[in-house]
């Protein structure tokens, strides 16, 4: 059962990615560039990090939690 969490996490990632509206286009782009979907996503995240002058990838999401805590009601 040690790998149960890894398998479940992998299945969740696959589901989230494959059901997203942009998945077919991203999959095609990755294939054209001869890379995996994860390589394409990592490349995109790195370009966002550079564009935003963020020291790390984690800094790109530093405000997500705070914004999600703001209730519209």
N, C-alpha and C. Protein backbone atom coordinates (compact mmCIF):
# COMPACT_ATOMS: atom_id res chain seq x y z
N UNK A 1 0.82 -1.20 0.00
CA UNK A 1 0.00 0.00 0.00
C UNK A 1 0.86 1.25 0.00
N UNK A 2 2.17 1.11 0.05
CA UNK A 2 3.05 2.27 0.11
C UNK A 2 2.91 3.16 -1.13
N UNK A 3 2.61 2.56 -2.29
CA UNK A 3 2.49 3.37 -3.50
C UNK A 3 1.06 3.81 -3.77
N UNK A 4 0.14 3.52 -2.89
CA UNK A 4 -1.26 3.89 -3.10
C UNK A 4 -1.46 5.37 -3.30
N UNK A 5 -0.78 6.17 -2.51
CA UNK A 5 -0.91 7.62 -2.63
C UNK A 5 -0.35 8.13 -3.94
N UNK A 6 0.78 7.57 -4.37
CA UNK A 6 1.38 7.99 -5.63
C UNK A 6 0.48 7.64 -6.80
N UNK A 7 -0.09 6.45 -6.77
CA UNK A 7 -0.99 6.04 -7.85
C UNK A 7 -2.24 6.91 -7.89
N UNK A 8 -2.79 7.18 -6.73
CA UNK A 8 -3.99 8.02 -6.66
C UNK A 8 -3.68 9.44 -7.13
N UNK A 9 -2.54 9.96 -6.73
CA UNK A 9 -2.15 11.30 -7.15
C UNK A 9 -1.94 11.35 -8.66
N UNK A 10 -1.31 10.34 -9.21
CA UNK A 10 -1.11 10.27 -10.65
C UNK A 10 -2.43 10.20 -11.40
N UNK A 11 -3.36 9.42 -10.87
CA UNK A 11 -4.68 9.30 -11.50
C UNK A 11 -5.43 10.64 -11.43
N UNK A 12 -5.30 11.33 -10.30
CA UNK A 12 -5.95 12.63 -10.17
C UNK A 12 -5.37 13.64 -11.16
N UNK A 13 -4.04 13.69 -11.26
CA UNK A 13 -3.40 14.59 -12.22
C UNK A 13 -3.85 14.29 -13.65
N UNK A 14 -3.88 13.01 -13.99
CA UNK A 14 -4.33 12.62 -15.33
C UNK A 14 -5.77 13.08 -15.58
N UNK A 15 -6.62 12.88 -14.61
CA UNK A 15 -8.02 13.28 -14.75
C UNK A 15 -8.15 14.80 -14.92
N UNK A 16 -7.48 15.56 -14.06
CA UNK A 16 -7.57 17.02 -14.12
C UNK A 16 -7.06 17.53 -15.46
N UNK A 17 -5.93 17.00 -15.90
CA UNK A 17 -5.36 17.45 -17.17
C UNK A 17 -6.23 17.02 -18.36
N UNK A 18 -6.61 15.77 -18.40
CA UNK A 18 -7.29 15.25 -19.58
C UNK A 18 -8.73 15.74 -19.73
N UNK A 19 -9.32 16.28 -18.67
CA UNK A 19 -10.68 16.80 -18.78
C UNK A 19 -10.70 18.31 -18.99
N UNK A 20 -9.55 18.95 -18.97
CA UNK A 20 -9.48 20.39 -19.18
C UNK A 20 -9.71 20.71 -20.66
N UNK A 21 -10.38 21.81 -20.92
CA UNK A 21 -10.71 22.19 -22.30
C UNK A 21 -9.47 22.38 -23.18
N UNK A 22 -8.35 22.77 -22.59
CA UNK A 22 -7.13 23.02 -23.37
C UNK A 22 -6.29 21.76 -23.59
N UNK A 23 -6.72 20.63 -23.04
CA UNK A 23 -5.92 19.40 -23.13
C UNK A 23 -5.62 18.96 -24.56
N UNK A 24 -6.59 18.89 -25.45
CA UNK A 24 -6.28 18.41 -26.81
C UNK A 24 -5.22 19.28 -27.50
N UNK A 25 -5.35 20.59 -27.36
CA UNK A 25 -4.36 21.49 -27.98
C UNK A 25 -2.99 21.33 -27.33
N UNK A 26 -2.95 21.23 -26.01
CA UNK A 26 -1.68 21.06 -25.31
C UNK A 26 -1.02 19.73 -25.66
N UNK A 27 -1.83 18.69 -25.77
CA UNK A 27 -1.31 17.38 -26.14
C UNK A 27 -0.70 17.42 -27.53
N UNK A 28 -1.38 18.08 -28.45
CA UNK A 28 -0.88 18.22 -29.82
C UNK A 28 0.41 19.05 -29.85
N UNK A 29 0.45 20.12 -29.10
CA UNK A 29 1.65 20.96 -29.02
C UNK A 29 2.83 20.17 -28.46
N UNK A 30 2.59 19.41 -27.41
CA UNK A 30 3.65 18.59 -26.81
C UNK A 30 4.17 17.58 -27.83
N UNK A 31 3.28 16.94 -28.56
CA UNK A 31 3.69 15.96 -29.56
C UNK A 31 4.53 16.61 -30.66
N UNK A 32 4.10 17.79 -31.11
CA UNK A 32 4.85 18.50 -32.15
C UNK A 32 6.25 18.87 -31.69
N UNK A 33 6.40 19.15 -30.39
CA UNK A 33 7.69 19.52 -29.83
C UNK A 33 8.46 18.31 -29.30
N UNK A 34 7.91 17.12 -29.55
CA UNK A 34 8.54 15.87 -29.14
C UNK A 34 8.83 15.84 -27.64
N UNK A 35 7.83 16.20 -26.85
CA UNK A 35 7.98 16.16 -25.39
C UNK A 35 6.70 15.65 -24.77
N UNK A 36 6.78 15.30 -23.51
CA UNK A 36 5.60 14.84 -22.79
C UNK A 36 4.77 16.04 -22.36
N UNK A 37 3.55 15.79 -21.97
CA UNK A 37 2.68 16.84 -21.46
C UNK A 37 3.32 17.52 -20.24
N UNK A 38 3.94 16.72 -19.37
CA UNK A 38 4.55 17.28 -18.17
C UNK A 38 5.76 18.16 -18.52
N UNK A 39 6.52 17.76 -19.52
CA UNK A 39 7.64 18.61 -19.96
C UNK A 39 7.11 19.93 -20.50
N UNK A 40 6.04 19.87 -21.28
CA UNK A 40 5.44 21.09 -21.83
C UNK A 40 4.94 22.00 -20.71
N UNK A 41 4.23 21.43 -19.74
CA UNK A 41 3.72 22.22 -18.62
C UNK A 41 4.85 22.82 -17.79
N UNK A 42 5.89 22.04 -17.54
CA UNK A 42 7.03 22.55 -16.78
C UNK A 42 7.74 23.67 -17.52
N UNK A 43 7.85 23.55 -18.84
CA UNK A 43 8.45 24.60 -19.66
C UNK A 43 7.60 25.88 -19.57
N UNK A 44 6.29 25.70 -19.63
CA UNK A 44 5.39 26.85 -19.53
C UNK A 44 5.50 27.52 -18.15
N UNK A 45 5.52 26.72 -17.09
CA UNK A 45 5.68 27.28 -15.75
C UNK A 45 6.98 28.05 -15.61
N UNK A 46 8.05 27.50 -16.18
CA UNK A 46 9.34 28.20 -16.10
C UNK A 46 9.29 29.53 -16.85
N UNK A 47 8.61 29.57 -18.00
CA UNK A 47 8.50 30.83 -18.73
C UNK A 47 7.67 31.84 -17.93
N UNK A 48 6.62 31.38 -17.23
CA UNK A 48 5.86 32.27 -16.36
C UNK A 48 6.72 32.79 -15.22
N UNK A 49 7.54 31.92 -14.64
CA UNK A 49 8.42 32.32 -13.53
C UNK A 49 9.37 33.42 -13.98
N UNK A 50 9.95 33.24 -15.16
CA UNK A 50 10.88 34.24 -15.69
C UNK A 50 10.16 35.55 -15.99
N UNK A 51 9.01 35.44 -16.66
CA UNK A 51 8.24 36.65 -17.03
C UNK A 51 7.84 37.46 -15.80
N UNK A 52 7.44 36.76 -14.74
CA UNK A 52 7.01 37.43 -13.51
C UNK A 52 8.16 37.78 -12.58
N UNK A 53 9.38 37.45 -12.99
CA UNK A 53 10.58 37.71 -12.18
C UNK A 53 10.45 37.09 -10.79
N UNK A 54 9.90 35.89 -10.76
CA UNK A 54 9.69 35.16 -9.52
C UNK A 54 10.94 34.34 -9.19
N UNK A 55 11.40 34.36 -7.95
CA UNK A 55 12.61 33.59 -7.61
C UNK A 55 12.41 32.07 -7.69
N UNK A 56 11.18 31.63 -7.45
CA UNK A 56 10.89 30.19 -7.51
C UNK A 56 9.49 29.98 -8.10
N UNK A 57 9.21 28.76 -8.50
CA UNK A 57 7.86 28.44 -8.98
C UNK A 57 6.83 28.60 -7.87
N UNK A 58 7.20 28.28 -6.66
CA UNK A 58 6.27 28.40 -5.53
C UNK A 58 5.79 29.84 -5.36
N UNK A 59 6.63 30.81 -5.68
CA UNK A 59 6.22 32.21 -5.55
C UNK A 59 5.11 32.58 -6.52
N UNK A 60 4.96 31.84 -7.62
CA UNK A 60 3.88 32.13 -8.56
C UNK A 60 2.51 31.94 -7.92
N UNK A 61 2.43 31.09 -6.92
CA UNK A 61 1.15 30.76 -6.29
C UNK A 61 1.02 31.35 -4.89
N UNK A 62 1.88 32.26 -4.53
CA UNK A 62 1.90 32.73 -3.14
C UNK A 62 0.61 33.42 -2.69
N UNK A 63 -0.19 33.94 -3.60
CA UNK A 63 -1.41 34.62 -3.20
C UNK A 63 -2.67 33.81 -3.44
N UNK A 64 -2.57 32.63 -3.99
CA UNK A 64 -3.77 31.84 -4.29
C UNK A 64 -4.55 31.50 -3.03
N UNK A 65 -3.89 31.05 -1.99
CA UNK A 65 -4.59 30.68 -0.76
C UNK A 65 -5.30 31.90 -0.17
N UNK A 66 -4.61 33.00 -0.11
CA UNK A 66 -5.19 34.20 0.47
C UNK A 66 -6.43 34.64 -0.32
N UNK A 67 -6.36 34.59 -1.64
CA UNK A 67 -7.49 35.00 -2.46
C UNK A 67 -8.66 34.02 -2.32
N UNK A 68 -8.37 32.75 -2.15
CA UNK A 68 -9.44 31.77 -2.04
C UNK A 68 -10.16 31.89 -0.70
N UNK A 69 -9.55 32.55 0.26
CA UNK A 69 -10.16 32.71 1.58
C UNK A 69 -11.11 33.90 1.61
N UNK A 70 -11.11 34.71 0.57
CA UNK A 70 -12.01 35.86 0.52
C UNK A 70 -13.37 35.38 0.02
N UNK A 71 -14.35 35.49 0.87
CA UNK A 71 -15.70 35.02 0.52
C UNK A 71 -16.46 36.13 -0.20
N UNK A 72 -17.16 35.79 -1.28
CA UNK A 72 -17.96 36.80 -1.96
C UNK A 72 -19.25 37.11 -1.22
N UNK A 73 -19.53 36.40 -0.13
CA UNK A 73 -20.80 36.59 0.60
C UNK A 73 -20.61 37.30 1.90
